[in-house]
Amino acid sequence: MKLHELHDNEGATKKRKRVGRGPGSGTGKMGGRGIKGQKSRSGVAIKGFEGGQMPLYQRLPKRGFNKPNRKAYAVINLGLIQKFIDAKKLDAKAAITEDALIASGLVRRKLDGIRVLAKGEITSKVTLEVTGASKAAVDAVAKAGGSLTLTKVAAAE
């Protein structure tokens, strides 16, 4: 077999339809778009339009509610804090504040505050000062001999 003998299987490829190339092609003049109207123009895509039938997104029931002033917290796990302490990126002797967590690279941005969850294990005695924490996280830090204090977020936000 040589390079010039290679070819695809029969019927595997299909020639593209060349629209608007004369009357002999079968798709000349208007190119299968009919006469006038919105859909005969270029750049028209009527998203979600089903030919006058009630569109799917309107037929389905709507449920739930999206709270417009919902708080978004940056979430970190105790296991990650311990990993950063072991890697000497966080100082366990000093109080670990939200700014310290951002400076170490553990959290990218504060958002509405930082919330600590109890996934993983913490063995170092640490003093954490964060916006929120799960009950299990508070217990785990206390068990390791440290303390976790929650800072108050401004109520006017």
N, C-alpha and C. Protein backbone atom coordinates (compact mmCIF):
# COMPACT_ATOMS: atom_id res chain seq x y z
N MET A 1 0.85 -1.19 0.00
CA MET A 1 0.00 0.00 0.00
C MET A 1 0.89 1.25 0.00
N LYS A 2 0.52 2.19 -0.85
CA LYS A 2 1.29 3.43 -0.94
C LYS A 2 0.40 4.60 -0.49
N LEU A 3 1.03 5.71 -0.18
CA LEU A 3 0.30 6.87 0.32
C LEU A 3 -0.79 7.33 -0.64
N HIS A 4 -0.49 7.29 -1.94
CA HIS A 4 -1.47 7.77 -2.91
C HIS A 4 -2.62 6.78 -3.14
N GLU A 5 -2.50 5.60 -2.53
CA GLU A 5 -3.58 4.61 -2.67
C GLU A 5 -4.56 4.65 -1.49
N LEU A 6 -4.23 5.42 -0.47
CA LEU A 6 -5.11 5.51 0.70
C LEU A 6 -6.40 6.25 0.35
N HIS A 7 -7.51 5.71 0.79
CA HIS A 7 -8.79 6.41 0.64
C HIS A 7 -9.77 5.93 1.70
N ASP A 8 -10.75 6.76 1.98
CA ASP A 8 -11.74 6.44 3.01
C ASP A 8 -12.70 5.38 2.50
N ASN A 9 -13.45 4.77 3.43
CA ASN A 9 -14.45 3.77 3.04
C ASN A 9 -15.56 4.41 2.22
N GLU A 10 -16.20 3.61 1.40
CA GLU A 10 -17.30 4.10 0.56
C GLU A 10 -18.44 4.61 1.45
N GLY A 11 -18.87 5.85 1.23
CA GLY A 11 -19.99 6.41 2.00
C GLY A 11 -19.59 7.03 3.33
N ALA A 12 -18.29 6.99 3.64
CA ALA A 12 -17.85 7.55 4.92
C ALA A 12 -17.82 9.08 4.89
N THR A 13 -17.51 9.62 3.72
CA THR A 13 -17.51 11.08 3.59
C THR A 13 -18.58 11.50 2.61
N LYS A 14 -19.08 12.71 2.84
CA LYS A 14 -20.18 13.21 2.00
C LYS A 14 -19.78 14.58 1.50
N LYS A 15 -20.02 14.87 0.25
CA LYS A 15 -19.67 16.18 -0.30
C LYS A 15 -20.58 17.23 0.30
N ARG A 16 -20.01 18.41 0.61
CA ARG A 16 -20.84 19.45 1.20
C ARG A 16 -21.70 20.09 0.13
N LYS A 17 -22.88 20.57 0.57
CA LYS A 17 -23.84 21.18 -0.34
C LYS A 17 -23.38 22.60 -0.65
N ARG A 18 -23.12 22.89 -1.93
CA ARG A 18 -22.72 24.25 -2.33
C ARG A 18 -23.97 25.00 -2.74
N VAL A 19 -24.37 25.92 -1.85
CA VAL A 19 -25.63 26.63 -2.01
C VAL A 19 -25.44 27.90 -2.83
N GLY A 20 -26.44 28.20 -3.65
CA GLY A 20 -26.43 29.45 -4.41
C GLY A 20 -25.44 29.44 -5.56
N ARG A 21 -25.31 28.31 -6.27
CA ARG A 21 -24.37 28.20 -7.39
C ARG A 21 -25.09 27.87 -8.70
N GLY A 22 -26.14 28.61 -8.96
CA GLY A 22 -26.84 28.45 -10.24
C GLY A 22 -28.00 27.50 -10.19
N PRO A 23 -28.91 27.62 -11.19
CA PRO A 23 -30.14 26.81 -11.20
C PRO A 23 -29.91 25.33 -11.41
N GLY A 24 -28.83 24.97 -12.06
CA GLY A 24 -28.56 23.54 -12.33
C GLY A 24 -28.24 22.76 -11.08
N SER A 25 -27.81 23.44 -10.04
CA SER A 25 -27.39 22.74 -8.82
C SER A 25 -28.57 22.27 -7.99
N GLY A 26 -29.75 22.88 -8.19
CA GLY A 26 -30.91 22.53 -7.37
C GLY A 26 -31.01 23.39 -6.13
N THR A 27 -29.92 24.05 -5.78
CA THR A 27 -29.97 24.98 -4.64
C THR A 27 -29.42 26.34 -5.08
N GLY A 28 -29.83 26.79 -6.24
CA GLY A 28 -29.38 28.08 -6.75
C GLY A 28 -30.31 29.19 -6.29
N LYS A 29 -30.12 30.38 -6.83
CA LYS A 29 -30.92 31.57 -6.55
C LYS A 29 -31.11 31.80 -5.05
N MET A 30 -32.17 31.26 -4.44
CA MET A 30 -32.42 31.55 -3.02
C MET A 30 -31.73 30.56 -2.08
N GLY A 31 -31.11 29.56 -2.61
CA GLY A 31 -30.34 28.63 -1.79
C GLY A 31 -31.15 27.87 -0.78
N GLY A 32 -32.39 27.51 -1.11
CA GLY A 32 -33.21 26.70 -0.21
C GLY A 32 -33.80 27.47 0.95
N ARG A 33 -33.73 28.81 0.89
CA ARG A 33 -34.24 29.63 2.00
C ARG A 33 -35.63 30.19 1.74
N GLY A 34 -36.18 29.95 0.57
CA GLY A 34 -37.51 30.48 0.26
C GLY A 34 -37.44 31.95 -0.09
N ILE A 35 -38.59 32.61 -0.08
CA ILE A 35 -38.65 34.01 -0.50
C ILE A 35 -38.85 34.92 0.71
N LYS A 36 -38.06 35.97 0.78
CA LYS A 36 -38.16 37.01 1.81
C LYS A 36 -38.27 36.47 3.24
N GLY A 37 -38.55 37.34 4.17
CA GLY A 37 -38.79 36.93 5.56
C GLY A 37 -37.52 36.86 6.39
N GLN A 38 -37.74 36.81 7.67
CA GLN A 38 -36.63 36.82 8.63
C GLN A 38 -35.64 35.69 8.41
N LYS A 39 -36.15 34.49 8.12
CA LYS A 39 -35.28 33.33 8.03
C LYS A 39 -34.52 33.26 6.70
N SER A 40 -34.85 34.12 5.77
CA SER A 40 -34.10 34.12 4.53
C SER A 40 -32.87 35.01 4.64
N ARG A 41 -32.82 35.84 5.68
CA ARG A 41 -31.69 36.73 5.87
C ARG A 41 -30.54 36.00 6.57
N SER A 42 -29.36 36.57 6.46
CA SER A 42 -28.22 35.94 7.12
C SER A 42 -28.17 36.41 8.57
N GLY A 43 -27.50 35.62 9.41
CA GLY A 43 -27.34 36.01 10.81
C GLY A 43 -28.56 35.84 11.66
N VAL A 44 -29.50 35.00 11.25
CA VAL A 44 -30.72 34.81 12.04
C VAL A 44 -30.72 33.41 12.65
N ALA A 45 -30.84 33.35 13.96
CA ALA A 45 -31.01 32.07 14.64
C ALA A 45 -32.04 32.32 15.73
N ILE A 46 -33.22 31.79 15.57
CA ILE A 46 -34.28 32.03 16.54
C ILE A 46 -34.17 30.93 17.59
N LYS A 47 -33.42 31.26 18.64
CA LYS A 47 -33.13 30.26 19.68
C LYS A 47 -34.39 29.89 20.45
N GLY A 48 -34.62 28.61 20.60
CA GLY A 48 -35.75 28.14 21.39
C GLY A 48 -37.08 28.25 20.67
N PHE A 49 -37.06 28.68 19.41
CA PHE A 49 -38.32 28.82 18.68
C PHE A 49 -38.69 27.48 18.08
N GLU A 50 -39.93 27.06 18.28
CA GLU A 50 -40.37 25.74 17.82
C GLU A 50 -41.52 25.85 16.83
N GLY A 51 -41.43 26.79 15.93
CA GLY A 51 -42.44 26.91 14.89
C GLY A 51 -43.82 27.27 15.41
N GLY A 52 -43.89 28.03 16.46
CA GLY A 52 -45.19 28.43 17.00
C GLY A 52 -45.68 27.53 18.11
N GLN A 53 -45.14 26.31 18.18
CA GLN A 53 -45.48 25.41 19.29
C GLN A 53 -44.89 26.00 20.56
N MET A 54 -45.54 25.78 21.69
CA MET A 54 -45.04 26.29 22.96
C MET A 54 -43.65 25.71 23.22
N PRO A 55 -42.63 26.54 23.35
CA PRO A 55 -41.26 26.03 23.50
C PRO A 55 -41.08 25.21 24.77
N LEU A 56 -40.12 24.30 24.71
CA LEU A 56 -39.87 23.37 25.81
C LEU A 56 -39.63 24.09 27.13
N TYR A 57 -38.84 25.16 27.10
CA TYR A 57 -38.52 25.85 28.36
C TYR A 57 -39.75 26.51 28.96
N GLN A 58 -40.80 26.75 28.18
CA GLN A 58 -42.03 27.31 28.74
C GLN A 58 -43.01 26.23 29.18
N ARG A 59 -42.85 25.02 28.61
CA ARG A 59 -43.74 23.92 28.95
C ARG A 59 -43.39 23.29 30.29
N LEU A 60 -42.12 23.37 30.67
CA LEU A 60 -41.69 22.71 31.90
C LEU A 60 -42.01 23.56 33.12
N PRO A 61 -42.34 22.91 34.25
CA PRO A 61 -42.66 23.68 35.46
C PRO A 61 -41.42 24.35 36.03
N LYS A 62 -41.63 25.52 36.59
CA LYS A 62 -40.53 26.25 37.21
C LYS A 62 -40.61 26.01 38.72
N ARG A 63 -39.47 25.70 39.33
CA ARG A 63 -39.46 25.45 40.77
C ARG A 63 -38.29 26.14 41.43
N GLY A 64 -38.45 26.46 42.68
CA GLY A 64 -37.35 26.99 43.46
C GLY A 64 -37.26 28.49 43.43
N PHE A 65 -36.19 28.97 44.03
CA PHE A 65 -36.01 30.40 44.21
C PHE A 65 -34.51 30.67 44.30
N ASN A 66 -34.06 31.70 43.61
CA ASN A 66 -32.65 32.09 43.70
C ASN A 66 -32.54 33.38 44.51
N LYS A 67 -31.95 33.25 45.68
CA LYS A 67 -31.83 34.40 46.58
C LYS A 67 -30.84 35.40 45.97
N PRO A 68 -31.29 36.64 45.74
CA PRO A 68 -30.42 37.61 45.06
C PRO A 68 -29.24 38.09 45.91
N ASN A 69 -29.39 38.07 47.26
CA ASN A 69 -28.32 38.58 48.11
C ASN A 69 -27.62 37.47 48.89
N ARG A 70 -27.56 36.29 48.26
CA ARG A 70 -26.97 35.13 48.90
C ARG A 70 -25.46 35.34 49.11
N LYS A 71 -24.97 34.87 50.25
CA LYS A 71 -23.54 35.00 50.54
C LYS A 71 -22.78 33.83 49.92
N ALA A 72 -21.63 34.14 49.35
CA ALA A 72 -20.77 33.10 48.77
C ALA A 72 -19.47 33.08 49.58
N TYR A 73 -19.18 31.93 50.18
CA TYR A 73 -17.98 31.80 51.00
C TYR A 73 -16.91 31.02 50.26
N ALA A 74 -15.65 31.39 50.50
CA ALA A 74 -14.53 30.58 50.03
C ALA A 74 -14.41 29.44 51.04
N VAL A 75 -14.38 28.20 50.56
CA VAL A 75 -14.42 27.04 51.47
C VAL A 75 -13.04 26.37 51.51
N ILE A 76 -12.56 26.08 52.73
CA ILE A 76 -11.31 25.33 52.88
C ILE A 76 -11.51 24.22 53.90
N ASN A 77 -10.71 23.17 53.76
CA ASN A 77 -10.79 22.03 54.66
C ASN A 77 -9.63 22.03 55.64
N LEU A 78 -9.85 21.43 56.80
CA LEU A 78 -8.82 21.37 57.83
C LEU A 78 -7.58 20.62 57.34
N GLY A 79 -7.80 19.58 56.55
CA GLY A 79 -6.70 18.79 56.01
C GLY A 79 -5.75 19.64 55.18
N LEU A 80 -6.31 20.58 54.41
CA LEU A 80 -5.49 21.47 53.58
C LEU A 80 -4.69 22.44 54.45
N ILE A 81 -5.32 22.93 55.51
CA ILE A 81 -4.61 23.85 56.42
C ILE A 81 -3.40 23.13 57.02
N GLN A 82 -3.62 21.88 57.44
CA GLN A 82 -2.53 21.07 58.01
C GLN A 82 -1.42 20.85 56.99
N LYS A 83 -1.80 20.59 55.75
CA LYS A 83 -0.84 20.35 54.67
C LYS A 83 0.03 21.60 54.44
N PHE A 84 -0.60 22.78 54.50
CA PHE A 84 0.13 24.03 54.30
C PHE A 84 1.03 24.34 55.50
N ILE A 85 0.61 23.93 56.70
CA ILE A 85 1.45 24.12 57.89
C ILE A 85 2.68 23.22 57.78
N ASP A 86 2.47 21.96 57.36
CA ASP A 86 3.58 21.01 57.18
C ASP A 86 4.57 21.49 56.12
N ALA A 87 4.03 22.15 55.08
CA ALA A 87 4.88 22.65 53.99
C ALA A 87 5.50 24.01 54.34
N LYS A 88 5.31 24.48 55.59
CA LYS A 88 5.83 25.77 56.09
C LYS A 88 5.30 26.98 55.31
N LYS A 89 4.12 26.83 54.71
CA LYS A 89 3.49 27.97 54.02
C LYS A 89 2.62 28.77 54.98
N LEU A 90 2.21 28.10 56.07
CA LEU A 90 1.46 28.77 57.14
C LEU A 90 2.21 28.58 58.45
N ASP A 91 2.17 29.62 59.30
CA ASP A 91 2.83 29.53 60.60
C ASP A 91 1.79 29.15 61.65
N ALA A 92 1.94 27.97 62.24
CA ALA A 92 0.97 27.48 63.21
C ALA A 92 1.05 28.23 64.54
N LYS A 93 2.22 28.83 64.81
CA LYS A 93 2.38 29.52 66.10
C LYS A 93 1.63 30.86 66.11
N ALA A 94 1.62 31.54 64.99
CA ALA A 94 0.89 32.81 64.89
C ALA A 94 -0.58 32.53 64.59
N ALA A 95 -1.43 33.52 64.85
CA ALA A 95 -2.86 33.36 64.56
C ALA A 95 -3.06 33.31 63.04
N ILE A 96 -3.82 32.33 62.59
CA ILE A 96 -4.08 32.20 61.15
C ILE A 96 -5.37 32.97 60.83
N THR A 97 -5.21 34.10 60.17
CA THR A 97 -6.36 34.93 59.81
C THR A 97 -6.70 34.69 58.34
N GLU A 98 -7.77 35.31 57.89
CA GLU A 98 -8.19 35.17 56.49
C GLU A 98 -7.13 35.75 55.56
N ASP A 99 -6.51 36.85 55.96
CA ASP A 99 -5.46 37.46 55.14
C ASP A 99 -4.24 36.55 55.02
N ALA A 100 -3.93 35.83 56.11
CA ALA A 100 -2.80 34.90 56.09
C ALA A 100 -3.07 33.73 55.14
N LEU A 101 -4.33 33.29 55.12
CA LEU A 101 -4.72 32.19 54.22
C LEU A 101 -4.59 32.61 52.76
N ILE A 102 -4.96 33.85 52.47
CA ILE A 102 -4.86 34.36 51.10
C ILE A 102 -3.39 34.53 50.72
N ALA A 103 -2.57 35.08 51.65
CA ALA A 103 -1.15 35.29 51.39
C ALA A 103 -0.41 33.97 51.14
N SER A 104 -0.84 32.91 51.82
CA SER A 104 -0.19 31.61 51.65
C SER A 104 -0.56 30.94 50.33
N GLY A 105 -1.66 31.41 49.72
CA GLY A 105 -2.09 30.82 48.45
C GLY A 105 -3.11 29.70 48.63
N LEU A 106 -3.53 29.46 49.86
CA LEU A 106 -4.52 28.42 50.13
C LEU A 106 -5.89 28.83 49.62
N VAL A 107 -6.19 30.13 49.71
CA VAL A 107 -7.47 30.67 49.22
C VAL A 107 -7.13 31.73 48.19
N ARG A 108 -7.87 31.74 47.10
CA ARG A 108 -7.58 32.74 46.07
C ARG A 108 -8.15 34.10 46.44
N ARG A 109 -9.45 34.12 46.78
CA ARG A 109 -10.05 35.40 47.18
C ARG A 109 -11.08 35.16 48.28
N LYS A 110 -11.31 36.19 49.06
CA LYS A 110 -12.13 36.07 50.26
C LYS A 110 -13.62 35.91 49.98
N LEU A 111 -14.14 36.51 48.92
CA LEU A 111 -15.57 36.55 48.62
C LEU A 111 -16.30 37.20 49.80
N ASP A 112 -17.32 36.53 50.36
CA ASP A 112 -18.03 37.09 51.52
C ASP A 112 -17.43 36.60 52.83
N GLY A 113 -16.31 35.94 52.74
CA GLY A 113 -15.66 35.39 53.94
C GLY A 113 -15.13 34.00 53.65
N ILE A 114 -14.43 33.44 54.61
CA ILE A 114 -13.85 32.10 54.45
C ILE A 114 -14.50 31.17 55.47
N ARG A 115 -14.92 30.00 55.00
CA ARG A 115 -15.60 29.03 55.88
C ARG A 115 -14.73 27.77 55.95
N VAL A 116 -14.54 27.27 57.16
CA VAL A 116 -13.71 26.09 57.38
C VAL A 116 -14.60 24.87 57.56
N LEU A 117 -14.27 23.80 56.85
CA LEU A 117 -15.00 22.53 56.97
C LEU A 117 -14.06 21.47 57.54
N ALA A 118 -14.64 20.39 58.06
CA ALA A 118 -13.86 19.42 58.85
C ALA A 118 -13.24 18.28 58.05
N LYS A 119 -13.19 18.38 56.74
CA LYS A 119 -12.60 17.28 55.95
C LYS A 119 -11.09 17.24 56.18
N GLY A 120 -10.59 16.05 56.39
CA GLY A 120 -9.16 15.90 56.68
C GLY A 120 -8.91 16.00 58.17
N GLU A 121 -7.62 15.89 58.54
CA GLU A 121 -7.28 15.87 59.95
C GLU A 121 -6.32 16.99 60.27
N ILE A 122 -6.49 17.60 61.43
CA ILE A 122 -5.56 18.65 61.86
C ILE A 122 -4.88 18.17 63.14
N THR A 123 -3.54 18.25 63.14
CA THR A 123 -2.77 17.77 64.30
C THR A 123 -2.07 18.92 65.00
N SER A 124 -1.85 20.03 64.30
CA SER A 124 -1.16 21.18 64.89
C SER A 124 -2.11 21.97 65.79
N LYS A 125 -1.50 22.62 66.80
CA LYS A 125 -2.27 23.51 67.68
C LYS A 125 -2.33 24.87 66.99
N VAL A 126 -3.50 25.23 66.47
CA VAL A 126 -3.63 26.47 65.69
C VAL A 126 -4.69 27.39 66.26
N THR A 127 -4.52 28.68 65.99
CA THR A 127 -5.53 29.67 66.34
C THR A 127 -6.08 30.21 65.03
N LEU A 128 -7.31 29.85 64.71
CA LEU A 128 -7.92 30.26 63.44
C LEU A 128 -8.92 31.39 63.67
N GLU A 129 -8.89 32.37 62.80
CA GLU A 129 -9.88 33.45 62.84
C GLU A 129 -10.51 33.57 61.46
N VAL A 130 -11.71 33.02 61.32
CA VAL A 130 -12.40 32.99 60.03
C VAL A 130 -13.86 33.44 60.18
N THR A 131 -14.52 33.64 59.04
CA THR A 131 -15.91 34.10 59.05
C THR A 131 -16.86 33.01 59.50
N GLY A 132 -16.63 31.77 59.02
CA GLY A 132 -17.55 30.68 59.36
C GLY A 132 -16.83 29.36 59.51
N ALA A 133 -17.48 28.42 60.19
CA ALA A 133 -16.92 27.08 60.36
C ALA A 133 -18.03 26.11 60.71
N SER A 134 -17.86 24.87 60.28
CA SER A 134 -18.85 23.85 60.64
C SER A 134 -18.58 23.42 62.09
N LYS A 135 -19.61 22.85 62.70
CA LYS A 135 -19.50 22.43 64.10
C LYS A 135 -18.39 21.39 64.25
N ALA A 136 -18.32 20.48 63.29
CA ALA A 136 -17.31 19.42 63.32
C ALA A 136 -15.90 20.01 63.21
N ALA A 137 -15.74 21.09 62.44
CA ALA A 137 -14.43 21.73 62.29
C ALA A 137 -14.00 22.38 63.60
N VAL A 138 -14.95 23.05 64.28
CA VAL A 138 -14.66 23.69 65.56
C VAL A 138 -14.22 22.64 66.58
N ASP A 139 -14.93 21.50 66.59
CA ASP A 139 -14.60 20.41 67.51
C ASP A 139 -13.22 19.82 67.22
N ALA A 140 -12.91 19.65 65.92
CA ALA A 140 -11.64 19.05 65.52
C ALA A 140 -10.46 19.94 65.91
N VAL A 141 -10.62 21.25 65.74
CA VAL A 141 -9.54 22.18 66.11
C VAL A 141 -9.36 22.19 67.63
N ALA A 142 -10.47 22.17 68.37
CA ALA A 142 -10.41 22.14 69.84
C ALA A 142 -9.75 20.85 70.33
N LYS A 143 -10.02 19.74 69.65
CA LYS A 143 -9.46 18.43 70.02
C LYS A 143 -7.94 18.43 69.82
N ALA A 144 -7.47 19.17 68.80
CA ALA A 144 -6.04 19.26 68.53
C ALA A 144 -5.36 20.25 69.47
N GLY A 145 -6.15 20.90 70.31
CA GLY A 145 -5.59 21.83 71.29
C GLY A 145 -5.58 23.28 70.84
N GLY A 146 -6.19 23.55 69.72
CA GLY A 146 -6.22 24.92 69.20
C GLY A 146 -7.56 25.59 69.47
N SER A 147 -7.74 26.76 68.83
CA SER A 147 -9.01 27.46 68.99
C SER A 147 -9.44 28.03 67.65
N LEU A 148 -10.76 28.07 67.44
CA LEU A 148 -11.31 28.61 66.18
C LEU A 148 -12.31 29.70 66.56
N THR A 149 -11.99 30.94 66.24
CA THR A 149 -12.91 32.03 66.54
C THR A 149 -13.55 32.54 65.27
N LEU A 150 -14.83 32.86 65.37
CA LEU A 150 -15.55 33.36 64.21
C LEU A 150 -15.63 34.88 64.27
N THR A 151 -15.24 35.52 63.18
CA THR A 151 -15.30 36.98 63.11
C THR A 151 -16.67 37.39 62.61
N LYS A 152 -17.15 38.50 63.12
CA LYS A 152 -18.48 38.99 62.72
C LYS A 152 -18.38 39.68 61.39
N VAL A 153 -19.33 39.38 60.51
CA VAL A 153 -19.40 40.04 59.20
C VAL A 153 -20.32 41.25 59.36
N ALA A 154 -19.99 42.34 58.70
CA ALA A 154 -20.82 43.56 58.80
C ALA A 154 -22.25 43.25 58.39
N ALA A 155 -23.20 43.57 59.24
CA ALA A 155 -24.61 43.24 59.02
C ALA A 155 -25.23 44.08 57.91
N ALA A 156 -24.60 45.23 57.59
CA ALA A 156 -25.16 46.14 56.59
C ALA A 156 -24.97 45.65 55.17
N GLU A 157 -24.18 44.60 54.96
CA GLU A 157 -23.90 44.11 53.60
C GLU A 157 -25.13 43.60 52.89
